ModelCIF file with pLDDT and N, C-alpha, C, O atoms, coordinates in Angstrom:
data_MODEL
#
_entry.id   MODEL 
#
_entity.id                         1 
_entity.type                       polymer 
_entity.pdbx_number_of_molecules   1 
#
_entity_poly.entity_id                      1 
_entity_poly.type                           'polypeptide(L)' 
_entity_poly.nstd_linkage                   no 
_entity_poly.nstd_monomer                   no 
_entity_poly.pdbx_seq_one_letter_code       GWHPGIDLANSMGTPIKAPANGVVLAHGQASGYG 
_entity_poly.pdbx_seq_one_letter_code_can   GWHPGIDLANSMGTPIKAPANGVVLAHGQASGYG 
_entity_poly.pdbx_strand_id                 A 
#
loop_
_entity_poly_seq.entity_id 
_entity_poly_seq.num 
_entity_poly_seq.mon_id 
_entity_poly_seq.hetero 
1 1  GLY n 
1 2  TRP n 
1 3  HIS n 
1 4  PRO n 
1 5  GLY n 
1 6  ILE n 
1 7  ASP n 
1 8  LEU n 
1 9  ALA n 
1 10 ASN n 
1 11 SER n 
1 12 MET n 
1 13 GLY n 
1 14 THR n 
1 15 PRO n 
1 16 ILE n 
1 17 LYS n 
1 18 ALA n 
1 19 PRO n 
1 20 ALA n 
1 21 ASN n 
1 22 GLY n 
1 23 VAL n 
1 24 VAL n 
1 25 LEU n 
1 26 ALA n 
1 27 HIS n 
1 28 GLY n 
1 29 GLN n 
1 30 ALA n 
1 31 SER n 
1 32 GLY n 
1 33 TYR n 
1 34 GLY n 
#
_struct_asym.id          A 
_struct_asym.entity_id   1 
#
loop_
_ma_qa_metric.id 
_ma_qa_metric.mode 
_ma_qa_metric.name 
_ma_qa_metric.software_group_id 
_ma_qa_metric.type 
1 global pLDDT . pLDDT 
2 local  pLDDT . pLDDT 
#
_ma_qa_metric_global.metric_id      1 
_ma_qa_metric_global.metric_value   89.59 
_ma_qa_metric_global.model_id       1 
_ma_qa_metric_global.ordinal_id     1 
#
loop_
_ma_qa_metric_local.label_asym_id 
_ma_qa_metric_local.label_comp_id 
_ma_qa_metric_local.label_seq_id 
_ma_qa_metric_local.metric_id 
_ma_qa_metric_local.metric_value 
_ma_qa_metric_local.model_id 
_ma_qa_metric_local.ordinal_id 
A GLY 1  2 85.00 1 1  
A TRP 2  2 88.00 1 2  
A HIS 3  2 91.00 1 3  
A PRO 4  2 93.00 1 4  
A GLY 5  2 94.00 1 5  
A ILE 6  2 95.00 1 6  
A ASP 7  2 95.00 1 7  
A LEU 8  2 96.00 1 8  
A ALA 9  2 93.00 1 9  
A ASN 10 2 92.00 1 10 
A SER 11 2 89.00 1 11 
A MET 12 2 88.00 1 12 
A GLY 13 2 87.00 1 13 
A THR 14 2 90.00 1 14 
A PRO 15 2 90.00 1 15 
A ILE 16 2 93.00 1 16 
A LYS 17 2 93.00 1 17 
A ALA 18 2 92.00 1 18 
A PRO 19 2 94.00 1 19 
A ALA 20 2 92.00 1 20 
A ASN 21 2 91.00 1 21 
A GLY 22 2 90.00 1 22 
A VAL 23 2 89.00 1 23 
A VAL 24 2 89.00 1 24 
A LEU 25 2 88.00 1 25 
A ALA 26 2 85.00 1 26 
A HIS 27 2 85.00 1 27 
A GLY 28 2 84.00 1 28 
A GLN 29 2 85.00 1 29 
A ALA 30 2 84.00 1 30 
A SER 31 2 77.00 1 31 
A GLY 32 2 87.00 1 32 
A TYR 33 2 92.00 1 33 
A GLY 34 2 90.00 1 34 
#
loop_
_atom_site.group_PDB 
_atom_site.id 
_atom_site.type_symbol 
_atom_site.label_atom_id 
_atom_site.label_alt_id 
_atom_site.label_comp_id 
_atom_site.label_asym_id 
_atom_site.label_entity_id 
_atom_site.label_seq_id 
_atom_site.pdbx_PDB_ins_code 
_atom_site.Cartn_x 
_atom_site.Cartn_y 
_atom_site.Cartn_z 
_atom_site.occupancy 
_atom_site.B_iso_or_equiv 
_atom_site.pdbx_formal_charge 
_atom_site.auth_seq_id 
_atom_site.auth_comp_id 
_atom_site.auth_asym_id 
_atom_site.auth_atom_id 
_atom_site.pdbx_PDB_model_num 
ATOM 1   N N  . GLY A 1 1  ? 17.506 11.285  -18.269 1.00 85.00 ? 1  GLY A N  1 
ATOM 2   C CA . GLY A 1 1  ? 18.695 11.741  -17.552 1.00 85.00 ? 1  GLY A CA 1 
ATOM 3   C C  . GLY A 1 1  ? 19.613 10.603  -17.145 1.00 85.00 ? 1  GLY A C  1 
ATOM 4   O O  . GLY A 1 1  ? 19.266 9.429   -17.269 1.00 85.00 ? 1  GLY A O  1 
ATOM 5   N N  . TRP A 1 2  ? 20.776 10.966  -16.662 1.00 88.00 ? 2  TRP A N  1 
ATOM 6   C CA . TRP A 1 2  ? 21.814 10.014  -16.278 1.00 88.00 ? 2  TRP A CA 1 
ATOM 7   C C  . TRP A 1 2  ? 21.372 9.180   -15.083 1.00 88.00 ? 2  TRP A C  1 
ATOM 8   O O  . TRP A 1 2  ? 20.758 9.691   -14.146 1.00 88.00 ? 2  TRP A O  1 
ATOM 9   N N  . HIS A 1 3  ? 21.691 7.893   -15.130 1.00 91.00 ? 3  HIS A N  1 
ATOM 10  C CA . HIS A 1 3  ? 21.391 6.990   -14.019 1.00 91.00 ? 3  HIS A CA 1 
ATOM 11  C C  . HIS A 1 3  ? 22.507 5.966   -13.950 1.00 91.00 ? 3  HIS A C  1 
ATOM 12  O O  . HIS A 1 3  ? 22.635 5.143   -14.857 1.00 91.00 ? 3  HIS A O  1 
ATOM 13  N N  . PRO A 1 4  ? 23.328 5.990   -12.890 1.00 93.00 ? 4  PRO A N  1 
ATOM 14  C CA . PRO A 1 4  ? 24.510 5.118   -12.838 1.00 93.00 ? 4  PRO A CA 1 
ATOM 15  C C  . PRO A 1 4  ? 24.244 3.702   -12.347 1.00 93.00 ? 4  PRO A C  1 
ATOM 16  O O  . PRO A 1 4  ? 25.158 2.878   -12.329 1.00 93.00 ? 4  PRO A O  1 
ATOM 17  N N  . GLY A 1 5  ? 23.002 3.400   -11.945 1.00 94.00 ? 5  GLY A N  1 
ATOM 18  C CA . GLY A 1 5  ? 22.753 2.085   -11.364 1.00 94.00 ? 5  GLY A CA 1 
ATOM 19  C C  . GLY A 1 5  ? 21.510 1.413   -11.917 1.00 94.00 ? 5  GLY A C  1 
ATOM 20  O O  . GLY A 1 5  ? 20.966 1.816   -12.946 1.00 94.00 ? 5  GLY A O  1 
ATOM 21  N N  . ILE A 1 6  ? 21.069 0.374   -11.206 1.00 95.00 ? 6  ILE A N  1 
ATOM 22  C CA . ILE A 1 6  ? 19.838 -0.328  -11.546 1.00 95.00 ? 6  ILE A CA 1 
ATOM 23  C C  . ILE A 1 6  ? 18.877 -0.162  -10.370 1.00 95.00 ? 6  ILE A C  1 
ATOM 24  O O  . ILE A 1 6  ? 19.304 -0.173  -9.216  1.00 95.00 ? 6  ILE A O  1 
ATOM 25  N N  . ASP A 1 7  ? 17.568 -0.008  -10.659 1.00 95.00 ? 7  ASP A N  1 
ATOM 26  C CA . ASP A 1 7  ? 16.543 0.098   -9.620  1.00 95.00 ? 7  ASP A CA 1 
ATOM 27  C C  . ASP A 1 7  ? 15.733 -1.196  -9.589  1.00 95.00 ? 7  ASP A C  1 
ATOM 28  O O  . ASP A 1 7  ? 15.148 -1.612  -10.589 1.00 95.00 ? 7  ASP A O  1 
ATOM 29  N N  . LEU A 1 8  ? 15.719 -1.815  -8.416  1.00 96.00 ? 8  LEU A N  1 
ATOM 30  C CA . LEU A 1 8  ? 14.999 -3.075  -8.233  1.00 96.00 ? 8  LEU A CA 1 
ATOM 31  C C  . LEU A 1 8  ? 13.870 -2.838  -7.230  1.00 96.00 ? 8  LEU A C  1 
ATOM 32  O O  . LEU A 1 8  ? 14.123 -2.671  -6.037  1.00 96.00 ? 8  LEU A O  1 
ATOM 33  N N  . ALA A 1 9  ? 12.618 -2.823  -7.716  1.00 93.00 ? 9  ALA A N  1 
ATOM 34  C CA . ALA A 1 9  ? 11.472 -2.474  -6.878  1.00 93.00 ? 9  ALA A CA 1 
ATOM 35  C C  . ALA A 1 9  ? 10.843 -3.703  -6.240  1.00 93.00 ? 9  ALA A C  1 
ATOM 36  O O  . ALA A 1 9  ? 10.648 -4.731  -6.888  1.00 93.00 ? 9  ALA A O  1 
ATOM 37  N N  . ASN A 1 10 ? 10.529 -3.572  -4.950  1.00 92.00 ? 10 ASN A N  1 
ATOM 38  C CA . ASN A 1 10 ? 9.788  -4.591  -4.214  1.00 92.00 ? 10 ASN A CA 1 
ATOM 39  C C  . ASN A 1 10 ? 9.195  -3.907  -2.986  1.00 92.00 ? 10 ASN A C  1 
ATOM 40  O O  . ASN A 1 10 ? 9.371  -2.702  -2.805  1.00 92.00 ? 10 ASN A O  1 
ATOM 41  N N  . SER A 1 11 ? 8.513  -4.643  -2.162  1.00 89.00 ? 11 SER A N  1 
ATOM 42  C CA . SER A 1 11 ? 7.827  -4.050  -1.011  1.00 89.00 ? 11 SER A CA 1 
ATOM 43  C C  . SER A 1 11 ? 8.816  -3.634  0.071   1.00 89.00 ? 11 SER A C  1 
ATOM 44  O O  . SER A 1 11 ? 9.942  -4.130  0.126   1.00 89.00 ? 11 SER A O  1 
ATOM 45  N N  . MET A 1 12 ? 8.378  -2.712  0.935   1.00 88.00 ? 12 MET A N  1 
ATOM 46  C CA . MET A 1 12 ? 9.186  -2.257  2.058   1.00 88.00 ? 12 MET A CA 1 
ATOM 47  C C  . MET A 1 12 ? 9.609  -3.445  2.920   1.00 88.00 ? 12 MET A C  1 
ATOM 48  O O  . MET A 1 12 ? 8.812  -4.339  3.202   1.00 88.00 ? 12 MET A O  1 
ATOM 49  N N  . GLY A 1 13 ? 10.873 -3.439  3.330   1.00 87.00 ? 13 GLY A N  1 
ATOM 50  C CA . GLY A 1 13 ? 11.358 -4.474  4.234   1.00 87.00 ? 13 GLY A CA 1 
ATOM 51  C C  . GLY A 1 13 ? 11.840 -5.736  3.550   1.00 87.00 ? 13 GLY A C  1 
ATOM 52  O O  . GLY A 1 13 ? 12.256 -6.678  4.224   1.00 87.00 ? 13 GLY A O  1 
ATOM 53  N N  . THR A 1 14 ? 11.794 -5.777  2.198   1.00 90.00 ? 14 THR A N  1 
ATOM 54  C CA . THR A 1 14 ? 12.326 -6.943  1.487   1.00 90.00 ? 14 THR A CA 1 
ATOM 55  C C  . THR A 1 14 ? 13.819 -7.074  1.777   1.00 90.00 ? 14 THR A C  1 
ATOM 56  O O  . THR A 1 14 ? 14.550 -6.093  1.641   1.00 90.00 ? 14 THR A O  1 
ATOM 57  N N  . PRO A 1 15 ? 14.294 -8.259  2.173   1.00 90.00 ? 15 PRO A N  1 
ATOM 58  C CA . PRO A 1 15 ? 15.716 -8.421  2.503   1.00 90.00 ? 15 PRO A CA 1 
ATOM 59  C C  . PRO A 1 15 ? 16.627 -8.171  1.307   1.00 90.00 ? 15 PRO A C  1 
ATOM 60  O O  . PRO A 1 15 ? 16.302 -8.529  0.175   1.00 90.00 ? 15 PRO A O  1 
ATOM 61  N N  . ILE A 1 16 ? 17.763 -7.556  1.576   1.00 93.00 ? 16 ILE A N  1 
ATOM 62  C CA . ILE A 1 16 ? 18.828 -7.354  0.592   1.00 93.00 ? 16 ILE A CA 1 
ATOM 63  C C  . ILE A 1 16 ? 19.980 -8.274  1.008   1.00 93.00 ? 16 ILE A C  1 
ATOM 64  O O  . ILE A 1 16 ? 20.435 -8.232  2.151   1.00 93.00 ? 16 ILE A O  1 
ATOM 65  N N  . LYS A 1 17 ? 20.436 -9.086  0.090   1.00 93.00 ? 17 LYS A N  1 
ATOM 66  C CA . LYS A 1 17 ? 21.442 -10.109 0.387   1.00 93.00 ? 17 LYS A CA 1 
ATOM 67  C C  . LYS A 1 17 ? 22.830 -9.681  -0.095  1.00 93.00 ? 17 LYS A C  1 
ATOM 68  O O  . LYS A 1 17 ? 22.957 -8.940  -1.070  1.00 93.00 ? 17 LYS A O  1 
ATOM 69  N N  . ALA A 1 18 ? 23.862 -10.154 0.596   1.00 92.00 ? 18 ALA A N  1 
ATOM 70  C CA . ALA A 1 18 ? 25.241 -9.913  0.158   1.00 92.00 ? 18 ALA A CA 1 
ATOM 71  C C  . ALA A 1 18 ? 25.500 -10.689 -1.126  1.00 92.00 ? 18 ALA A C  1 
ATOM 72  O O  . ALA A 1 18 ? 25.317 -11.906 -1.150  1.00 92.00 ? 18 ALA A O  1 
ATOM 73  N N  . PRO A 1 19 ? 25.926 -10.012 -2.203  1.00 94.00 ? 19 PRO A N  1 
ATOM 74  C CA . PRO A 1 19 ? 26.169 -10.703 -3.472  1.00 94.00 ? 19 PRO A CA 1 
ATOM 75  C C  . PRO A 1 19 ? 27.337 -11.690 -3.397  1.00 94.00 ? 19 PRO A C  1 
ATOM 76  O O  . PRO A 1 19 ? 27.425 -12.620 -4.199  1.00 94.00 ? 19 PRO A O  1 
ATOM 77  N N  . ALA A 1 20 ? 28.244 -11.475 -2.414  1.00 92.00 ? 20 ALA A N  1 
ATOM 78  C CA . ALA A 1 20 ? 29.415 -12.354 -2.258  1.00 92.00 ? 20 ALA A CA 1 
ATOM 79  C C  . ALA A 1 20 ? 30.009 -12.112 -0.884  1.00 92.00 ? 20 ALA A C  1 
ATOM 80  O O  . ALA A 1 20 ? 29.589 -11.206 -0.165  1.00 92.00 ? 20 ALA A O  1 
ATOM 81  N N  . ASN A 1 21 ? 31.000 -12.940 -0.521  1.00 91.00 ? 21 ASN A N  1 
ATOM 82  C CA . ASN A 1 21 ? 31.722 -12.693 0.721   1.00 91.00 ? 21 ASN A CA 1 
ATOM 83  C C  . ASN A 1 21 ? 32.424 -11.341 0.621   1.00 91.00 ? 21 ASN A C  1 
ATOM 84  O O  . ASN A 1 21 ? 32.908 -10.969 -0.447  1.00 91.00 ? 21 ASN A O  1 
ATOM 85  N N  . GLY A 1 22 ? 32.480 -10.609 1.727   1.00 90.00 ? 22 GLY A N  1 
ATOM 86  C CA . GLY A 1 22 ? 33.138 -9.307  1.683   1.00 90.00 ? 22 GLY A CA 1 
ATOM 87  C C  . GLY A 1 22 ? 33.058 -8.577  2.998   1.00 90.00 ? 22 GLY A C  1 
ATOM 88  O O  . GLY A 1 22 ? 33.037 -9.194  4.063   1.00 90.00 ? 22 GLY A O  1 
ATOM 89  N N  . VAL A 1 23 ? 33.015 -7.271  2.926   1.00 89.00 ? 23 VAL A N  1 
ATOM 90  C CA . VAL A 1 23 ? 33.008 -6.432  4.117   1.00 89.00 ? 23 VAL A CA 1 
ATOM 91  C C  . VAL A 1 23 ? 32.141 -5.200  3.861   1.00 89.00 ? 23 VAL A C  1 
ATOM 92  O O  . VAL A 1 23 ? 32.070 -4.706  2.736   1.00 89.00 ? 23 VAL A O  1 
ATOM 93  N N  . VAL A 1 24 ? 31.480 -4.707  4.917   1.00 89.00 ? 24 VAL A N  1 
ATOM 94  C CA . VAL A 1 24 ? 30.732 -3.447  4.820   1.00 89.00 ? 24 VAL A CA 1 
ATOM 95  C C  . VAL A 1 24 ? 31.741 -2.319  4.955   1.00 89.00 ? 24 VAL A C  1 
ATOM 96  O O  . VAL A 1 24 ? 32.323 -2.102  6.018   1.00 89.00 ? 24 VAL A O  1 
ATOM 97  N N  . LEU A 1 25 ? 31.932 -1.613  3.862   1.00 88.00 ? 25 LEU A N  1 
ATOM 98  C CA . LEU A 1 25 ? 32.953 -0.572  3.813   1.00 88.00 ? 25 LEU A CA 1 
ATOM 99  C C  . LEU A 1 25 ? 32.472 0.725   4.450   1.00 88.00 ? 25 LEU A C  1 
ATOM 100 O O  . LEU A 1 25 ? 33.255 1.433   5.083   1.00 88.00 ? 25 LEU A O  1 
ATOM 101 N N  . ALA A 1 26 ? 31.192 1.042   4.287   1.00 85.00 ? 26 ALA A N  1 
ATOM 102 C CA . ALA A 1 26 ? 30.650 2.294   4.840   1.00 85.00 ? 26 ALA A CA 1 
ATOM 103 C C  . ALA A 1 26 ? 29.133 2.250   4.796   1.00 85.00 ? 26 ALA A C  1 
ATOM 104 O O  . ALA A 1 26 ? 28.538 1.477   4.046   1.00 85.00 ? 26 ALA A O  1 
ATOM 105 N N  . HIS A 1 27 ? 28.523 3.091   5.612   1.00 85.00 ? 27 HIS A N  1 
ATOM 106 C CA . HIS A 1 27 ? 27.096 3.337   5.493   1.00 85.00 ? 27 HIS A CA 1 
ATOM 107 C C  . HIS A 1 27 ? 26.798 4.711   6.071   1.00 85.00 ? 27 HIS A C  1 
ATOM 108 O O  . HIS A 1 27 ? 27.583 5.249   6.852   1.00 85.00 ? 27 HIS A O  1 
ATOM 109 N N  . GLY A 1 28 ? 25.680 5.263   5.691   1.00 84.00 ? 28 GLY A N  1 
ATOM 110 C CA . GLY A 1 28 ? 25.337 6.604   6.153   1.00 84.00 ? 28 GLY A CA 1 
ATOM 111 C C  . GLY A 1 28 ? 24.085 7.108   5.477   1.00 84.00 ? 28 GLY A C  1 
ATOM 112 O O  . GLY A 1 28 ? 23.249 6.326   5.024   1.00 84.00 ? 28 GLY A O  1 
ATOM 113 N N  . GLN A 1 29 ? 23.961 8.428   5.411   1.00 85.00 ? 29 GLN A N  1 
ATOM 114 C CA . GLN A 1 29 ? 22.811 9.053   4.772   1.00 85.00 ? 29 GLN A CA 1 
ATOM 115 C C  . GLN A 1 29 ? 23.291 10.125  3.806   1.00 85.00 ? 29 GLN A C  1 
ATOM 116 O O  . GLN A 1 29 ? 24.243 10.851  4.090   1.00 85.00 ? 29 GLN A O  1 
ATOM 117 N N  . ALA A 1 30 ? 22.627 10.216  2.669   1.00 84.00 ? 30 ALA A N  1 
ATOM 118 C CA . ALA A 1 30 ? 22.909 11.256  1.675   1.00 84.00 ? 30 ALA A CA 1 
ATOM 119 C C  . ALA A 1 30 ? 21.583 11.684  1.068   1.00 84.00 ? 30 ALA A C  1 
ATOM 120 O O  . ALA A 1 30 ? 20.659 10.878  0.957   1.00 84.00 ? 30 ALA A O  1 
ATOM 121 N N  . SER A 1 31 ? 21.484 12.955  0.672   1.00 77.00 ? 31 SER A N  1 
ATOM 122 C CA . SER A 1 31 ? 20.202 13.495  0.215   1.00 77.00 ? 31 SER A CA 1 
ATOM 123 C C  . SER A 1 31 ? 19.612 12.714  -0.954  1.00 77.00 ? 31 SER A C  1 
ATOM 124 O O  . SER A 1 31 ? 18.400 12.508  -1.010  1.00 77.00 ? 31 SER A O  1 
ATOM 125 N N  . GLY A 1 32 ? 20.460 12.276  -1.889  1.00 87.00 ? 32 GLY A N  1 
ATOM 126 C CA . GLY A 1 32 ? 19.948 11.531  -3.035  1.00 87.00 ? 32 GLY A CA 1 
ATOM 127 C C  . GLY A 1 32 ? 19.691 10.068  -2.725  1.00 87.00 ? 32 GLY A C  1 
ATOM 128 O O  . GLY A 1 32 ? 18.636 9.530   -3.061  1.00 87.00 ? 32 GLY A O  1 
ATOM 129 N N  . TYR A 1 33 ? 20.664 9.420   -2.078  1.00 92.00 ? 33 TYR A N  1 
ATOM 130 C CA . TYR A 1 33 ? 20.589 7.984   -1.805  1.00 92.00 ? 33 TYR A CA 1 
ATOM 131 C C  . TYR A 1 33 ? 19.735 7.639   -0.580  1.00 92.00 ? 33 TYR A C  1 
ATOM 132 O O  . TYR A 1 33 ? 19.307 6.495   -0.430  1.00 92.00 ? 33 TYR A O  1 
ATOM 133 N N  . GLY A 1 34 ? 19.485 8.609   0.288   1.00 90.00 ? 34 GLY A N  1 
ATOM 134 C CA . GLY A 1 34 ? 18.842 8.285   1.557   1.00 90.00 ? 34 GLY A CA 1 
ATOM 135 C C  . GLY A 1 34 ? 19.799 7.466   2.390   1.00 90.00 ? 34 GLY A C  1 
ATOM 136 O O  . GLY A 1 34 ? 19.465 7.077   3.509   1.00 90.00 ? 34 GLY A O  1 
#
């Protein structure tokens, strides 16, 4: 099936880093994305 992104697996709590300077545009919860 269709998959628009990449899945990168690691343990719970692994830090996610900003790929570049920028701004947090939004955050929230959605049934698919959590």
